[in-house]
N, C-alpha and C. Protein backbone atom coordinates (compact mmCIF):
# COMPACT_ATOMS: atom_id res chain seq x y z
N MET A 1 8.73 41.64 -88.27
CA MET A 1 9.27 42.58 -86.81
C MET A 1 8.95 41.55 -85.73
N ILE A 2 9.73 41.78 -84.64
CA ILE A 2 9.39 41.31 -83.30
C ILE A 2 9.38 42.58 -82.52
N ASN A 3 8.41 42.36 -81.67
CA ASN A 3 7.83 43.62 -80.83
C ASN A 3 7.62 42.94 -79.34
N SER A 4 8.94 42.93 -78.78
CA SER A 4 8.77 42.62 -77.39
C SER A 4 9.91 43.25 -76.59
N PRO A 5 9.65 44.25 -75.83
CA PRO A 5 10.77 45.03 -75.01
C PRO A 5 11.93 44.21 -74.66
N LEU A 6 11.59 43.03 -73.88
CA LEU A 6 12.52 42.43 -73.28
C LEU A 6 13.33 41.18 -73.94
N LEU A 7 12.53 40.74 -75.05
CA LEU A 7 13.05 39.74 -75.84
C LEU A 7 14.65 39.80 -76.33
N LEU A 8 14.83 40.75 -77.12
CA LEU A 8 16.17 40.85 -77.48
C LEU A 8 17.07 41.27 -76.52
N PRO A 9 16.96 41.84 -75.50
CA PRO A 9 17.95 41.87 -74.50
C PRO A 9 18.15 40.60 -73.70
N VAL A 10 17.05 39.78 -73.46
CA VAL A 10 17.57 38.46 -72.84
C VAL A 10 18.14 37.47 -73.92
N VAL A 11 17.86 37.48 -75.32
CA VAL A 11 18.23 36.63 -76.32
C VAL A 11 19.80 37.32 -76.40
N MET A 12 20.03 38.41 -76.18
CA MET A 12 21.61 38.62 -76.44
C MET A 12 22.39 38.36 -75.25
N ALA A 13 21.64 38.22 -74.01
CA ALA A 13 22.34 37.70 -72.56
C ALA A 13 22.39 36.12 -72.83
N LEU A 14 21.59 35.57 -73.24
CA LEU A 14 21.89 34.17 -73.81
C LEU A 14 22.88 33.87 -74.63
N ALA A 15 22.88 34.78 -75.72
CA ALA A 15 24.24 34.68 -76.73
C ALA A 15 25.29 34.73 -76.17
N GLU A 16 25.55 35.56 -75.38
CA GLU A 16 26.73 35.79 -74.53
C GLU A 16 27.32 34.52 -73.83
N LEU A 17 26.13 33.89 -73.21
CA LEU A 17 26.21 32.67 -72.53
C LEU A 17 26.88 31.52 -73.27
N VAL A 18 26.17 31.58 -74.54
CA VAL A 18 26.52 30.43 -75.65
C VAL A 18 27.92 30.61 -76.12
N GLY A 19 28.11 31.94 -76.45
CA GLY A 19 29.75 32.10 -76.54
C GLY A 19 30.51 31.60 -75.83
N ALA A 20 30.18 31.90 -74.53
CA ALA A 20 31.15 31.07 -73.32
C ALA A 20 31.24 29.67 -73.44
N ALA A 21 29.90 28.98 -73.43
CA ALA A 21 29.91 27.33 -73.63
C ALA A 21 30.67 27.27 -74.86
N PHE A 22 30.77 27.90 -75.75
CA PHE A 22 31.54 27.31 -76.85
C PHE A 22 33.10 27.65 -76.68
N TYR A 23 33.14 28.47 -75.91
CA TYR A 23 35.03 28.50 -75.67
C TYR A 23 35.23 27.41 -74.68
N VAL A 24 34.74 27.06 -73.68
CA VAL A 24 34.63 25.92 -72.77
C VAL A 24 34.64 24.69 -73.52
N ALA A 25 33.82 24.36 -74.63
CA ALA A 25 33.73 23.12 -75.25
C ALA A 25 34.77 23.06 -76.40
N SER A 26 35.55 24.01 -76.38
CA SER A 26 36.62 24.13 -77.62
C SER A 26 37.86 23.45 -77.05
N PRO A 27 38.47 22.42 -77.94
CA PRO A 27 39.38 21.45 -77.26
C PRO A 27 40.67 22.55 -76.72
N GLN A 28 41.28 22.26 -75.68
CA GLN A 28 42.58 22.97 -75.26
C GLN A 28 43.52 23.10 -76.13
N GLY A 29 44.26 24.06 -76.30
CA GLY A 29 45.61 24.15 -77.21
C GLY A 29 45.12 24.92 -78.42
N PRO A 30 45.64 24.67 -79.36
CA PRO A 30 45.59 25.57 -80.83
C PRO A 30 44.18 25.97 -81.02
N THR A 31 43.22 24.96 -80.81
CA THR A 31 41.80 25.30 -81.21
C THR A 31 41.20 26.28 -80.47
N ARG A 32 41.22 26.31 -79.08
CA ARG A 32 40.80 27.16 -77.87
C ARG A 32 41.61 28.39 -78.25
N ASN A 33 42.81 28.53 -78.44
CA ASN A 33 43.51 29.69 -78.98
C ASN A 33 43.05 30.48 -79.96
N ILE A 34 42.50 29.72 -81.19
CA ILE A 34 41.87 30.48 -82.39
C ILE A 34 40.56 31.18 -81.92
N VAL A 35 39.89 30.33 -81.15
CA VAL A 35 38.93 30.82 -80.70
C VAL A 35 38.87 31.84 -79.95
N ALA A 36 39.58 31.93 -79.01
CA ALA A 36 40.13 33.11 -78.03
C ALA A 36 40.56 34.27 -78.80
N CYS A 37 41.41 34.18 -79.93
CA CYS A 37 41.75 35.11 -80.63
C CYS A 37 40.89 35.77 -81.45
N PHE A 38 39.67 35.21 -81.98
CA PHE A 38 38.39 35.44 -82.93
C PHE A 38 37.93 36.36 -81.83
N GLY A 39 37.68 35.98 -80.62
CA GLY A 39 36.80 36.85 -79.60
C GLY A 39 37.67 38.16 -79.27
N LEU A 40 39.01 37.94 -79.01
CA LEU A 40 39.96 39.25 -78.65
C LEU A 40 39.67 40.27 -79.86
N GLY A 41 39.81 39.95 -80.95
CA GLY A 41 40.02 40.78 -82.40
C GLY A 41 38.44 41.22 -82.37
N PHE A 42 37.54 40.63 -82.13
CA PHE A 42 35.93 41.17 -81.86
C PHE A 42 35.95 42.27 -81.18
N ALA A 43 36.38 41.81 -79.81
CA ALA A 43 36.23 42.86 -78.65
C ALA A 43 36.90 44.02 -78.83
N LEU A 44 38.32 43.90 -79.30
CA LEU A 44 39.30 45.35 -79.76
C LEU A 44 38.54 46.05 -80.71
N CYS A 45 38.05 45.32 -81.63
CA CYS A 45 37.26 46.24 -82.77
C CYS A 45 36.01 46.85 -82.18
N ILE A 46 35.26 46.47 -81.23
CA ILE A 46 34.16 46.98 -80.55
C ILE A 46 34.59 48.20 -79.76
N VAL A 47 35.62 47.85 -78.85
CA VAL A 47 36.05 49.19 -78.16
C VAL A 47 36.27 50.43 -78.98
N LEU A 48 37.19 50.13 -80.22
CA LEU A 48 37.53 51.33 -81.09
C LEU A 48 36.16 51.70 -81.75
N ILE A 49 35.24 51.05 -82.37
CA ILE A 49 34.24 51.50 -83.17
C ILE A 49 32.98 51.72 -82.37
N ASP A 50 32.80 51.17 -81.10
CA ASP A 50 31.52 51.31 -80.35
C ASP A 50 31.73 51.83 -79.14
N VAL A 51 32.47 51.33 -78.20
CA VAL A 51 32.49 51.70 -76.84
C VAL A 51 33.34 53.23 -76.97
N THR A 52 34.18 53.26 -77.71
CA THR A 52 34.82 54.64 -77.32
C THR A 52 33.83 55.77 -77.95
N PRO A 53 33.34 55.53 -79.12
CA PRO A 53 32.38 56.71 -79.54
C PRO A 53 31.13 56.91 -78.41
N ASP A 54 30.87 56.02 -78.07
CA ASP A 54 29.66 55.97 -76.76
C ASP A 54 30.07 56.71 -75.96
N ALA A 55 31.42 56.75 -75.51
CA ALA A 55 31.73 57.44 -74.06
C ALA A 55 32.40 58.97 -74.41
N THR A 56 32.68 59.33 -75.43
CA THR A 56 33.02 60.27 -76.00
C THR A 56 32.27 61.43 -76.65
N GLU A 57 31.09 60.71 -77.11
CA GLU A 57 29.94 61.68 -78.33
C GLU A 57 29.55 62.84 -77.33
N ASP A 58 29.81 63.77 -77.54
CA ASP A 58 29.27 64.97 -76.80
C ASP A 58 29.83 65.05 -75.48
N TYR A 59 31.15 64.70 -75.36
CA TYR A 59 31.70 64.87 -73.93
C TYR A 59 32.96 64.57 -74.00
N LEU A 60 33.77 65.98 -74.32
CA LEU A 60 35.12 66.18 -74.47
C LEU A 60 35.97 65.56 -73.39
N ALA A 61 35.60 65.66 -72.15
CA ALA A 61 36.43 64.92 -71.01
C ALA A 61 36.46 63.83 -71.45
N GLY A 62 35.76 62.86 -72.14
CA GLY A 62 35.91 61.71 -72.16
C GLY A 62 36.98 61.21 -72.76
N TRP A 63 37.74 61.87 -73.62
CA TRP A 63 38.81 61.62 -74.39
C TRP A 63 39.95 61.82 -73.10
N ALA A 64 40.15 62.44 -72.04
CA ALA A 64 40.85 62.46 -70.76
C ALA A 64 40.80 61.16 -70.21
N PHE A 65 39.45 60.91 -69.69
CA PHE A 65 39.08 59.69 -68.97
C PHE A 65 39.84 58.35 -69.83
N LEU A 66 39.64 58.51 -71.20
CA LEU A 66 40.15 57.43 -72.03
C LEU A 66 41.56 57.33 -71.86
N ALA A 67 42.43 58.40 -72.05
CA ALA A 67 43.81 58.53 -71.89
C ALA A 67 44.00 57.96 -70.72
N LEU A 68 43.50 58.23 -69.50
CA LEU A 68 44.01 57.82 -68.41
C LEU A 68 43.68 56.21 -67.96
N GLY A 69 42.64 55.88 -68.50
CA GLY A 69 42.36 54.40 -68.75
C GLY A 69 43.44 53.66 -69.26
N SER A 70 44.03 54.12 -70.40
CA SER A 70 44.95 53.54 -71.48
C SER A 70 46.35 53.65 -70.66
N ALA A 71 46.62 54.79 -69.81
CA ALA A 71 48.10 54.78 -69.08
C ALA A 71 47.77 53.71 -67.94
N VAL A 72 46.66 53.81 -67.32
CA VAL A 72 46.64 52.74 -66.13
C VAL A 72 46.54 51.19 -66.58
N GLY A 73 46.11 51.23 -67.94
CA GLY A 73 46.08 49.81 -68.11
C GLY A 73 47.51 49.34 -68.80
N ALA A 74 48.11 50.44 -69.30
CA ALA A 74 49.41 50.04 -69.90
C ALA A 74 50.45 49.77 -68.52
N VAL A 75 50.44 50.65 -67.48
CA VAL A 75 51.29 50.39 -66.20
C VAL A 75 50.76 48.90 -65.87
N LEU A 76 49.69 48.49 -65.48
CA LEU A 76 49.14 47.20 -64.86
C LEU A 76 49.55 46.15 -65.97
N MET A 77 49.31 46.25 -67.26
CA MET A 77 49.40 45.07 -67.64
C MET A 77 50.76 44.80 -68.33
N PHE A 78 51.61 45.90 -68.62
CA PHE A 78 53.13 45.87 -69.02
C PHE A 78 53.95 45.81 -67.84
N LYS A 79 53.69 46.55 -66.68
CA LYS A 79 54.71 46.89 -65.90
C LYS A 79 54.40 46.36 -64.36
N GLY A 80 53.28 46.00 -64.11
CA GLY A 80 52.74 45.48 -62.79
C GLY A 80 52.97 43.85 -62.64
N GLY A 81 53.50 43.06 -63.41
CA GLY A 81 53.70 41.71 -63.15
C GLY A 81 52.17 40.98 -63.06
N ARG A 82 52.21 39.90 -62.32
CA ARG A 82 51.36 38.97 -62.55
C ARG A 82 50.07 39.63 -61.77
N LEU A 83 50.34 40.08 -60.62
CA LEU A 83 49.06 41.28 -60.00
C LEU A 83 48.93 41.97 -60.74
N GLY A 84 49.64 43.03 -61.50
CA GLY A 84 49.00 43.79 -62.56
C GLY A 84 48.39 43.45 -63.62
N ALA A 85 48.51 42.32 -64.34
CA ALA A 85 48.02 41.57 -65.15
C ALA A 85 46.51 41.28 -64.79
N GLU A 86 46.32 40.56 -63.44
CA GLU A 86 45.14 40.13 -63.20
C GLU A 86 44.18 41.50 -62.90
N ALA A 87 44.77 42.82 -62.33
CA ALA A 87 43.96 43.83 -62.16
C ALA A 87 43.68 44.56 -63.35
N GLY A 88 44.40 44.11 -64.45
CA GLY A 88 43.91 44.87 -65.92
C GLY A 88 42.99 44.07 -66.70
N ASN A 89 43.04 42.73 -66.50
CA ASN A 89 41.79 41.72 -66.77
C ASN A 89 40.88 42.25 -66.16
N THR A 90 40.75 42.48 -64.83
CA THR A 90 39.69 42.49 -64.00
C THR A 90 38.67 44.22 -64.29
N GLY A 91 39.68 45.21 -64.73
CA GLY A 91 39.40 46.14 -65.31
C GLY A 91 38.75 46.15 -66.77
N ALA A 92 39.40 45.14 -67.44
CA ALA A 92 38.75 44.98 -68.67
C ALA A 92 37.51 44.28 -68.68
N ILE A 93 37.14 43.46 -67.72
CA ILE A 93 35.99 42.79 -67.47
C ILE A 93 34.95 43.77 -66.90
N VAL A 94 35.31 44.46 -65.97
CA VAL A 94 34.55 45.73 -65.88
C VAL A 94 33.97 46.68 -66.84
N GLY A 95 34.83 47.07 -67.91
CA GLY A 95 34.55 47.67 -68.91
C GLY A 95 33.26 47.06 -69.86
N MET A 96 33.72 45.70 -69.95
CA MET A 96 32.75 44.73 -70.51
C MET A 96 31.25 44.89 -70.02
N GLY A 97 31.22 44.89 -68.81
CA GLY A 97 30.04 44.92 -68.02
C GLY A 97 29.34 46.41 -68.31
N LEU A 98 30.20 47.39 -68.27
CA LEU A 98 29.62 48.64 -68.46
C LEU A 98 29.18 48.76 -70.01
N HIS A 99 29.63 48.26 -70.96
CA HIS A 99 29.38 48.02 -72.06
C HIS A 99 27.87 47.50 -72.35
N ASN A 100 27.80 46.44 -71.56
CA ASN A 100 26.59 45.58 -71.60
C ASN A 100 25.60 46.54 -71.19
N ILE A 101 25.53 47.24 -70.05
CA ILE A 101 24.84 48.41 -69.54
C ILE A 101 24.25 49.05 -70.56
N CYS A 102 25.49 49.79 -71.14
CA CYS A 102 25.00 50.93 -72.30
C CYS A 102 24.21 50.03 -73.58
N GLU A 103 24.55 48.94 -73.81
CA GLU A 103 23.74 48.08 -74.88
C GLU A 103 22.22 48.08 -74.60
N GLY A 104 21.96 47.87 -73.30
CA GLY A 104 20.53 47.65 -72.69
C GLY A 104 19.87 49.17 -72.97
N ILE A 105 20.75 49.89 -72.43
CA ILE A 105 20.14 51.41 -72.51
C ILE A 105 19.50 51.79 -74.01
N VAL A 106 20.53 51.52 -74.74
CA VAL A 106 20.31 51.73 -76.12
C VAL A 106 19.06 50.79 -76.62
N LEU A 107 19.22 49.63 -76.41
CA LEU A 107 18.03 48.86 -76.70
C LEU A 107 16.68 49.23 -76.43
N ALA A 108 16.40 49.84 -75.10
CA ALA A 108 15.44 50.49 -74.75
C ALA A 108 14.90 51.73 -75.49
N ALA A 109 15.94 52.70 -75.49
CA ALA A 109 15.66 54.01 -76.46
C ALA A 109 15.39 53.50 -77.70
N ALA A 110 15.65 52.38 -78.41
CA ALA A 110 15.25 52.12 -79.82
C ALA A 110 13.66 51.42 -79.89
N GLY A 111 13.10 51.11 -78.57
CA GLY A 111 11.87 50.46 -78.76
C GLY A 111 11.88 49.08 -78.89
N PRO A 112 10.51 48.51 -78.69
CA PRO A 112 10.46 46.96 -78.62
C PRO A 112 10.51 46.30 -80.07
N ALA A 113 10.34 47.17 -81.28
CA ALA A 113 10.02 46.63 -82.50
C ALA A 113 11.56 46.33 -83.15
N VAL A 114 12.10 44.98 -83.36
CA VAL A 114 13.05 44.50 -83.91
C VAL A 114 12.85 43.65 -85.08
N SER A 115 13.61 44.14 -86.28
CA SER A 115 13.70 43.34 -87.47
C SER A 115 14.50 42.06 -87.54
N PRO A 116 14.10 41.06 -87.99
CA PRO A 116 14.98 39.97 -88.26
C PRO A 116 16.40 39.91 -88.31
N LEU A 117 16.91 41.22 -89.15
CA LEU A 117 18.13 41.26 -89.46
C LEU A 117 19.02 41.78 -88.23
N ILE A 118 18.33 42.84 -87.71
CA ILE A 118 19.05 43.30 -86.25
C ILE A 118 19.01 42.24 -85.25
N PHE A 119 17.96 41.33 -85.16
CA PHE A 119 18.06 40.44 -84.13
C PHE A 119 19.26 39.52 -84.45
N THR A 120 19.47 39.02 -85.61
CA THR A 120 20.77 37.96 -85.81
C THR A 120 21.76 38.77 -85.71
N ALA A 121 21.98 40.03 -86.06
CA ALA A 121 23.12 40.67 -85.60
C ALA A 121 23.09 40.78 -84.19
N ALA A 122 22.41 41.09 -83.66
CA ALA A 122 22.50 41.34 -82.17
C ALA A 122 23.18 40.15 -81.66
N VAL A 123 22.51 39.08 -81.99
CA VAL A 123 23.06 37.59 -81.39
C VAL A 123 24.37 37.48 -81.86
N ALA A 124 24.72 37.49 -82.96
CA ALA A 124 26.27 37.48 -83.43
C ALA A 124 27.08 38.33 -82.63
N HIS A 125 26.73 39.76 -82.51
CA HIS A 125 27.57 40.58 -81.72
C HIS A 125 27.71 40.01 -80.17
N LYS A 126 26.91 39.39 -79.53
CA LYS A 126 27.25 38.91 -78.20
C LYS A 126 28.02 37.37 -78.01
N LEU A 127 27.82 36.72 -79.17
CA LEU A 127 28.62 35.56 -79.02
C LEU A 127 30.19 35.67 -78.64
N PRO A 128 30.80 36.14 -79.34
CA PRO A 128 32.35 36.33 -79.05
C PRO A 128 32.56 36.87 -77.83
N GLU A 129 31.94 37.85 -77.26
CA GLU A 129 32.05 38.57 -75.97
C GLU A 129 32.10 37.53 -74.93
N GLY A 130 31.09 36.58 -75.12
CA GLY A 130 31.26 35.32 -73.96
C GLY A 130 32.63 34.78 -74.02
N MET A 131 32.98 34.69 -75.14
CA MET A 131 34.29 33.98 -75.30
C MET A 131 35.49 34.67 -74.67
N VAL A 132 35.24 36.09 -74.73
CA VAL A 132 36.32 37.00 -74.21
C VAL A 132 36.25 36.96 -72.63
N VAL A 133 35.22 37.02 -72.06
CA VAL A 133 34.90 36.72 -70.72
C VAL A 133 35.82 35.63 -70.35
N PHE A 134 35.45 34.54 -70.48
CA PHE A 134 36.47 33.41 -70.37
C PHE A 134 37.54 33.51 -70.40
N SER A 135 38.02 34.10 -71.42
CA SER A 135 39.57 34.17 -71.72
C SER A 135 40.35 35.05 -70.80
N LEU A 136 39.65 36.35 -70.54
CA LEU A 136 40.24 37.06 -69.46
C LEU A 136 40.14 36.80 -68.12
N ALA A 137 39.02 35.92 -67.82
CA ALA A 137 39.02 35.27 -66.42
C ALA A 137 39.45 34.11 -66.17
N ASP A 138 40.49 33.84 -66.88
CA ASP A 138 41.17 32.32 -67.02
C ASP A 138 42.04 32.05 -65.63
N ARG A 139 41.98 32.97 -64.71
CA ARG A 139 42.77 32.50 -63.46
C ARG A 139 41.37 32.30 -62.44
N LEU A 140 40.23 32.30 -62.72
CA LEU A 140 39.37 32.17 -61.74
C LEU A 140 38.98 30.61 -61.95
N PRO A 141 38.32 29.80 -61.04
CA PRO A 141 37.85 28.54 -61.36
C PRO A 141 36.60 28.52 -62.21
N MET A 142 36.41 27.45 -62.58
CA MET A 142 35.14 27.41 -63.77
C MET A 142 33.66 27.83 -63.11
N ALA A 143 33.39 27.47 -61.80
CA ALA A 143 32.36 28.00 -61.28
C ALA A 143 32.13 29.50 -60.93
N GLY A 144 33.46 30.07 -61.11
CA GLY A 144 33.52 31.39 -60.72
C GLY A 144 33.58 32.19 -62.35
N ARG A 145 34.07 31.57 -63.20
CA ARG A 145 34.05 32.13 -64.52
C ARG A 145 32.51 32.08 -64.94
N TRP A 146 31.78 31.30 -64.51
CA TRP A 146 30.36 30.85 -65.23
C TRP A 146 29.68 32.02 -64.33
N LEU A 147 29.81 32.07 -63.10
CA LEU A 147 29.20 33.08 -62.35
C LEU A 147 29.12 34.49 -62.85
N LEU A 148 30.76 34.86 -63.10
CA LEU A 148 30.91 36.27 -63.73
C LEU A 148 30.33 36.06 -65.19
N ALA A 149 30.34 35.48 -65.88
CA ALA A 149 29.61 35.46 -67.16
C ALA A 149 28.06 35.52 -67.14
N VAL A 150 27.24 34.72 -66.34
CA VAL A 150 26.06 35.11 -65.89
C VAL A 150 25.72 36.34 -65.69
N GLY A 151 26.57 36.84 -64.56
CA GLY A 151 26.47 38.43 -63.89
C GLY A 151 26.59 39.39 -65.16
N LEU A 152 27.40 39.35 -66.09
CA LEU A 152 27.79 40.21 -67.02
C LEU A 152 26.52 40.29 -68.04
N SER A 153 26.21 38.94 -68.53
CA SER A 153 25.11 38.83 -69.48
C SER A 153 23.75 39.48 -68.87
N LEU A 154 23.56 39.35 -67.63
CA LEU A 154 22.32 39.75 -67.06
C LEU A 154 22.15 41.43 -66.90
N LEU A 155 23.54 42.07 -67.32
CA LEU A 155 23.67 43.58 -67.24
C LEU A 155 22.83 44.15 -68.40
N ILE A 156 22.72 43.20 -69.75
CA ILE A 156 22.09 44.06 -70.81
C ILE A 156 20.57 43.97 -70.42
N PRO A 157 19.85 43.21 -70.12
CA PRO A 157 18.25 43.30 -69.62
C PRO A 157 18.39 44.39 -68.56
N ILE A 158 19.13 44.25 -67.66
CA ILE A 158 19.07 45.48 -66.53
C ILE A 158 19.21 46.74 -67.24
N GLY A 159 20.14 47.03 -68.00
CA GLY A 159 20.35 48.30 -68.74
C GLY A 159 19.11 48.77 -69.40
N THR A 160 18.12 47.63 -69.42
CA THR A 160 16.96 48.39 -70.25
C THR A 160 16.10 48.98 -69.47
N VAL A 161 16.19 48.54 -68.17
CA VAL A 161 15.13 49.14 -67.15
C VAL A 161 15.60 50.01 -66.24
N VAL A 162 16.97 50.17 -65.87
CA VAL A 162 17.49 51.27 -65.11
C VAL A 162 18.02 52.12 -65.71
N ASP A 163 18.06 53.48 -65.48
CA ASP A 163 18.39 54.71 -65.84
C ASP A 163 19.62 55.17 -65.32
N PHE A 164 20.57 55.22 -66.12
CA PHE A 164 21.91 55.27 -65.39
C PHE A 164 22.33 57.07 -65.85
N PRO A 165 22.69 57.95 -64.94
CA PRO A 165 22.93 59.11 -65.20
C PRO A 165 24.38 59.31 -66.13
N GLU A 166 24.26 60.40 -67.07
CA GLU A 166 25.31 60.28 -68.04
C GLU A 166 26.33 60.77 -67.55
N GLU A 167 26.41 61.65 -66.50
CA GLU A 167 27.69 62.02 -65.78
C GLU A 167 28.33 61.22 -65.05
N ILE A 168 27.69 59.84 -64.87
CA ILE A 168 28.49 58.62 -64.07
C ILE A 168 28.74 57.93 -65.22
N LYS A 169 27.72 57.56 -66.06
CA LYS A 169 28.32 56.33 -67.14
C LYS A 169 29.29 56.79 -68.29
N LYS A 170 29.32 58.04 -68.51
CA LYS A 170 30.30 58.28 -69.69
C LYS A 170 31.65 58.43 -68.93
N PRO A 171 32.03 59.07 -67.87
CA PRO A 171 33.47 58.82 -67.42
C PRO A 171 33.84 57.13 -66.98
N LEU A 172 32.87 56.70 -66.38
CA LEU A 172 33.56 55.15 -66.12
C LEU A 172 33.56 54.45 -67.50
N LEU A 173 32.81 54.66 -68.52
CA LEU A 173 32.69 54.02 -69.73
C LEU A 173 34.11 54.08 -70.40
N ALA A 174 34.52 55.33 -70.35
CA ALA A 174 35.57 56.21 -71.20
C ALA A 174 36.88 55.41 -70.57
N PHE A 175 37.06 55.68 -69.09
CA PHE A 175 37.99 54.97 -68.63
C PHE A 175 38.08 53.40 -68.72
N ALA A 176 37.17 52.90 -68.67
CA ALA A 176 37.08 51.15 -68.83
C ALA A 176 37.35 50.73 -70.09
N ALA A 177 37.10 51.77 -71.16
CA ALA A 177 37.40 51.69 -72.72
C ALA A 177 39.06 51.80 -72.65
N GLY A 178 39.61 52.54 -71.98
CA GLY A 178 41.11 52.62 -72.18
C GLY A 178 41.73 51.35 -71.62
N VAL A 179 41.37 50.74 -70.33
CA VAL A 179 41.85 49.80 -69.72
C VAL A 179 41.52 48.43 -70.64
N LEU A 180 40.21 48.39 -71.13
CA LEU A 180 39.77 47.23 -71.93
C LEU A 180 41.05 47.44 -73.16
N ALA A 181 41.01 48.68 -73.77
CA ALA A 181 41.86 48.07 -74.81
C ALA A 181 43.43 47.75 -74.68
N LEU A 182 44.08 48.18 -73.65
CA LEU A 182 45.17 47.97 -73.07
C LEU A 182 45.25 46.29 -73.04
N ALA A 183 44.08 45.74 -72.03
CA ALA A 183 44.23 44.39 -71.64
C ALA A 183 43.96 43.61 -72.77
N LEU A 184 43.18 44.04 -73.81
CA LEU A 184 42.84 43.18 -75.11
C LEU A 184 44.27 43.12 -76.04
N THR A 185 45.09 44.39 -75.98
CA THR A 185 46.35 44.45 -76.69
C THR A 185 47.48 43.39 -76.08
N LYS A 186 47.40 43.35 -74.74
CA LYS A 186 48.32 42.48 -74.04
C LYS A 186 47.78 41.31 -74.39
N ALA A 187 46.63 40.77 -74.35
CA ALA A 187 46.32 39.13 -74.35
C ALA A 187 46.81 38.90 -75.75
N LEU A 188 46.61 39.63 -76.78
CA LEU A 188 46.72 39.63 -78.22
C LEU A 188 48.23 39.23 -78.21
N SER A 189 49.33 40.34 -77.65
CA SER A 189 50.57 40.04 -77.71
C SER A 189 51.19 38.72 -77.40
N VAL A 190 50.43 38.11 -76.54
CA VAL A 190 50.70 36.87 -75.82
C VAL A 190 50.26 35.66 -76.93
N MET A 191 49.30 35.81 -77.44
CA MET A 191 48.88 35.08 -78.45
C MET A 191 49.64 34.71 -79.84
N PHE A 192 49.98 36.09 -80.12
CA PHE A 192 51.01 36.35 -81.32
C PHE A 192 52.33 35.85 -81.07
N GLY A 193 52.66 35.38 -79.94
CA GLY A 193 53.92 34.91 -79.52
C GLY A 193 55.03 36.19 -79.57
N LEU A 194 54.59 37.46 -79.30
CA LEU A 194 55.74 38.47 -79.37
C LEU A 194 56.69 38.34 -78.19
N GLY A 195 57.98 38.54 -78.58
CA GLY A 195 59.21 38.27 -77.57
C GLY A 195 59.45 36.94 -77.39
N ASN A 196 58.73 35.90 -78.32
CA ASN A 196 59.07 34.53 -78.27
C ASN A 196 59.80 34.16 -79.55
N PRO A 197 60.77 34.05 -79.77
CA PRO A 197 61.57 33.85 -81.25
C PRO A 197 61.07 32.52 -81.72
N ALA A 198 60.80 31.52 -80.91
CA ALA A 198 60.41 30.16 -81.01
C ALA A 198 58.90 29.99 -81.67
N ALA A 199 57.97 31.04 -81.90
CA ALA A 199 56.72 30.90 -82.05
C ALA A 199 56.78 30.90 -83.59
N ALA A 200 55.95 29.80 -83.92
CA ALA A 200 55.91 29.39 -85.34
C ALA A 200 55.19 30.23 -86.37
N ALA A 201 55.87 30.47 -87.58
CA ALA A 201 55.23 31.47 -88.58
C ALA A 201 53.44 31.15 -88.78
N ALA A 202 53.46 29.94 -89.00
CA ALA A 202 52.24 29.37 -89.27
C ALA A 202 51.24 29.70 -88.06
N ASP A 203 51.48 29.46 -86.97
CA ASP A 203 50.67 29.93 -85.68
C ASP A 203 50.34 31.28 -85.65
N ARG A 204 51.55 32.04 -86.01
CA ARG A 204 51.15 33.61 -86.01
C ARG A 204 50.27 33.94 -87.34
N ARG A 205 49.84 33.27 -88.16
CA ARG A 205 49.32 33.37 -89.32
C ARG A 205 48.00 33.08 -89.07
N ALA A 206 47.83 31.89 -88.11
CA ALA A 206 46.29 31.48 -87.82
C ALA A 206 45.53 32.67 -86.84
N VAL A 207 46.78 33.10 -86.13
CA VAL A 207 46.15 34.06 -84.90
C VAL A 207 45.65 35.28 -85.66
N ALA A 208 46.48 35.69 -86.81
CA ALA A 208 46.26 36.76 -87.43
C ALA A 208 44.84 36.94 -88.16
N GLY A 209 44.80 35.49 -88.97
CA GLY A 209 43.44 35.45 -89.43
C GLY A 209 42.31 35.32 -88.61
N ALA A 210 42.43 34.62 -87.23
CA ALA A 210 41.27 34.60 -86.26
C ALA A 210 41.01 36.14 -85.77
N VAL A 211 42.19 36.88 -85.58
CA VAL A 211 41.94 38.08 -85.23
C VAL A 211 41.23 39.07 -86.22
N THR A 212 41.62 39.08 -87.35
CA THR A 212 41.03 39.63 -88.40
C THR A 212 39.59 39.19 -88.59
N GLY A 213 39.33 37.92 -88.55
CA GLY A 213 37.80 37.41 -88.81
C GLY A 213 37.20 37.80 -87.64
N GLY A 214 37.39 38.13 -86.30
CA GLY A 214 36.79 38.63 -85.46
C GLY A 214 36.17 40.22 -85.77
N ALA A 215 37.55 41.09 -85.94
CA ALA A 215 37.24 42.39 -86.28
C ALA A 215 36.01 42.61 -87.41
N VAL A 216 36.15 41.87 -88.42
CA VAL A 216 35.06 41.94 -89.56
C VAL A 216 33.79 41.82 -88.87
N VAL A 217 33.62 40.55 -88.45
CA VAL A 217 32.45 40.36 -87.63
C VAL A 217 31.85 41.46 -87.00
N ALA A 218 32.85 41.68 -86.03
CA ALA A 218 32.32 43.19 -84.93
C ALA A 218 32.01 44.00 -85.74
N GLY A 219 32.89 44.48 -86.85
CA GLY A 219 32.48 45.92 -87.73
C GLY A 219 30.86 45.55 -88.36
N LEU A 220 30.79 44.28 -89.11
CA LEU A 220 29.29 43.97 -89.63
C LEU A 220 28.39 44.30 -88.82
N THR A 221 28.49 43.44 -87.53
CA THR A 221 27.48 43.66 -86.55
C THR A 221 27.16 45.24 -86.07
N CYS A 222 28.36 46.03 -85.95
CA CYS A 222 28.06 47.27 -85.45
C CYS A 222 27.25 48.18 -86.53
N LEU A 223 27.46 47.83 -87.85
CA LEU A 223 26.85 48.62 -89.13
C LEU A 223 25.14 48.21 -88.78
N VAL A 224 24.62 47.16 -88.28
CA VAL A 224 23.37 47.10 -88.41
C VAL A 224 22.72 47.09 -87.37
N ILE A 225 23.32 46.89 -85.89
CA ILE A 225 22.59 47.30 -84.70
C ILE A 225 22.98 48.67 -83.92
């Protein structure tokens, strides 16, 4: 057993940055697209099986905030043009930040003792999220993307030491989950080449495989941590 209250949050934050570095280091083109698809599949699964339950557990109004976030995300991502897409991506990134804070809160409640299995799963849980941050923030300059990635990763250890009221956290998390789900769906639709008849079937199979792989890894890590 590992017994240190801040070790796991700090390692998870570093793992998220390693995931971002892996995305940056991957060659541009098909390879980077596959890496991004793995991260997007992972993140969408996390929204469905982790973030949404956190936001709605014992909070019926959370479903209303989730629906509102989904509606806003749909308008921004599919009807708002370039500025709408940027706003949707920004909302999705905010959602990931709230998720990191909540993970820190959960880690603080779980206590300092962590088994090697949970430690490994926690690291695997954060690596793809760093990829998603860089994918969603692709309109920022590289320095800005790194600054954003570092800031988001630091929210994990911050969440272990700062107590956020449930009446504030749950509505924001539910709304952000709705926006995040739509932003990820939009990004995946682009990766799949939907609306582009020229997109190769082999490319679509590769994307589908990467998305499925990301979702499977997300599900397995959520079972452990």
